[in-house]
Structures are given as C-alpha cells and as structure tokens.
C-alpha cells in the first residue's frame, strides 16, 4: 500500500506540469489553435483525475 501515495504524487506533478505547459503554450500560439489545445488539455486532466 505504500506505493499509492507516491503514485498520487506523480499524478499531481504531472498535472502541475501540464498546467504550466498549457499556460506557456497559450501565450505563444494563435487564437485559432487555442480552442483545440484547451479541449485536449481538459480531456487529459479528466483522464488524470479518473486515474486517481
């Protein structure tokens, strides 16, 4: 059971990294691409949350 907190921690870090990447990406792409990337980001976030 001791590995479970570690797995959760990894997911937290991954989520934080994705959020950070997403913010950088949004600041450097044309508005047309923003909607698609936001959709993909939200989808990945939901999948990460479900894994937890």
C-alpha atoms as a PDB file:
ATOM      1  CA  UNK A   1       0.000   0.000   0.000  1.00  0.00           C
ATOM      2  CA  UNK A   2       2.940   2.334   0.474  1.00  0.00           C
ATOM      3  CA  UNK A   3       3.268   2.945  -3.265  1.00  0.00           C
ATOM      4  CA  UNK A   4      -0.184   4.547  -3.571  1.00  0.00           C
ATOM      5  CA  UNK A   5       0.783   7.971  -2.131  1.00  0.00           C
ATOM      6  CA  UNK A   6       3.762   8.004  -4.470  1.00  0.00           C
ATOM      7  CA  UNK A   7       1.532   7.351  -7.479  1.00  0.00           C
ATOM      8  CA  UNK A   8      -0.784  10.160  -6.409  1.00  0.00           C
ATOM      9  CA  UNK A   9       2.220  12.439  -6.037  1.00  0.00           C
ATOM     10  CA  UNK A  10       3.371  11.602  -9.554  1.00  0.00           C
ATOM     11  CA  UNK A  11      -0.079  12.446 -10.917  1.00  0.00           C
ATOM     12  CA  UNK A  12      -0.047  15.749  -9.024  1.00  0.00           C
ATOM     13  CA  UNK A  13       3.321  16.610 -10.523  1.00  0.00           C
ATOM     14  CA  UNK A  14       2.204  15.586 -13.989  1.00  0.00           C
ATOM     15  CA  UNK A  15      -0.931  17.693 -13.684  1.00  0.00           C
ATOM     16  CA  UNK A  16       1.077  20.697 -12.493  1.00  0.00           C
ATOM     17  CA  UNK A  17       3.495  20.248 -15.375  1.00  0.00           C
ATOM     18  CA  UNK A  18       0.659  20.027 -17.895  1.00  0.00           C
ATOM     19  CA  UNK A  19      -0.956  23.127 -16.463  1.00  0.00           C
ATOM     20  CA  UNK A  20       2.308  25.040 -16.683  1.00  0.00           C
ATOM     21  CA  UNK A  21       2.941  23.834 -20.249  1.00  0.00           C
ATOM     22  CA  UNK A  22      -0.591  24.758 -21.188  1.00  0.00           C
ATOM     23  CA  UNK A  23      -0.157  28.322 -19.923  1.00  0.00           C
ATOM     24  CA  UNK A  24       3.080  28.736 -21.855  1.00  0.00           C
ATOM     25  CA  UNK A  25       1.500  27.239 -24.958  1.00  0.00           C
ATOM     26  CA  UNK A  26      -1.473  29.592 -24.766  1.00  0.00           C
ATOM     27  CA  UNK A  27       0.822  32.582 -24.576  1.00  0.00           C
ATOM     28  CA  UNK A  28       2.669  31.576 -27.746  1.00  0.00           C
ATOM     29  CA  UNK A  29       0.056  30.310 -30.215  1.00  0.00           C
ATOM     30  CA  UNK A  30      -2.504  31.988 -32.467  1.00  0.00           C
ATOM     31  CA  UNK A  31      -6.021  32.156 -31.081  1.00  0.00           C
ATOM     32  CA  UNK A  32      -7.275  29.677 -33.657  1.00  0.00           C
ATOM     33  CA  UNK A  33      -5.223  26.887 -32.083  1.00  0.00           C
ATOM     34  CA  UNK A  34      -6.146  27.763 -28.522  1.00  0.00           C
ATOM     35  CA  UNK A  35      -9.567  26.139 -28.523  1.00  0.00           C
ATOM     36  CA  UNK A  36      -8.302  22.761 -29.706  1.00  0.00           C
ATOM     37  CA  UNK A  37      -5.439  22.724 -27.243  1.00  0.00           C
ATOM     38  CA  UNK A  38      -7.729  23.696 -24.382  1.00  0.00           C
ATOM     39  CA  UNK A  39     -10.042  20.843 -25.316  1.00  0.00           C
ATOM     40  CA  UNK A  40      -7.168  18.351 -25.330  1.00  0.00           C
ATOM     41  CA  UNK A  41      -5.853  19.714 -22.051  1.00  0.00           C
ATOM     42  CA  UNK A  42      -9.228  19.373 -20.346  1.00  0.00           C
ATOM     43  CA  UNK A  43      -9.558  15.840 -21.666  1.00  0.00           C
ATOM     44  CA  UNK A  44      -6.139  14.881 -20.328  1.00  0.00           C
ATOM     45  CA  UNK A  45      -6.954  16.481 -16.985  1.00  0.00           C
ATOM     46  CA  UNK A  46     -10.148  14.462 -16.690  1.00  0.00           C
ATOM     47  CA  UNK A  47      -8.288  11.257 -17.515  1.00  0.00           C
ATOM     48  CA  UNK A  48      -5.633  12.046 -14.905  1.00  0.00           C
ATOM     49  CA  UNK A  49      -8.303  12.741 -12.343  1.00  0.00           C
ATOM     50  CA  UNK A  50     -10.032   9.438 -13.089  1.00  0.00           C
ATOM     51  CA  UNK A  51      -6.762   7.539 -12.640  1.00  0.00           C
ATOM     52  CA  UNK A  52      -6.508   8.954  -9.136  1.00  0.00           C
END
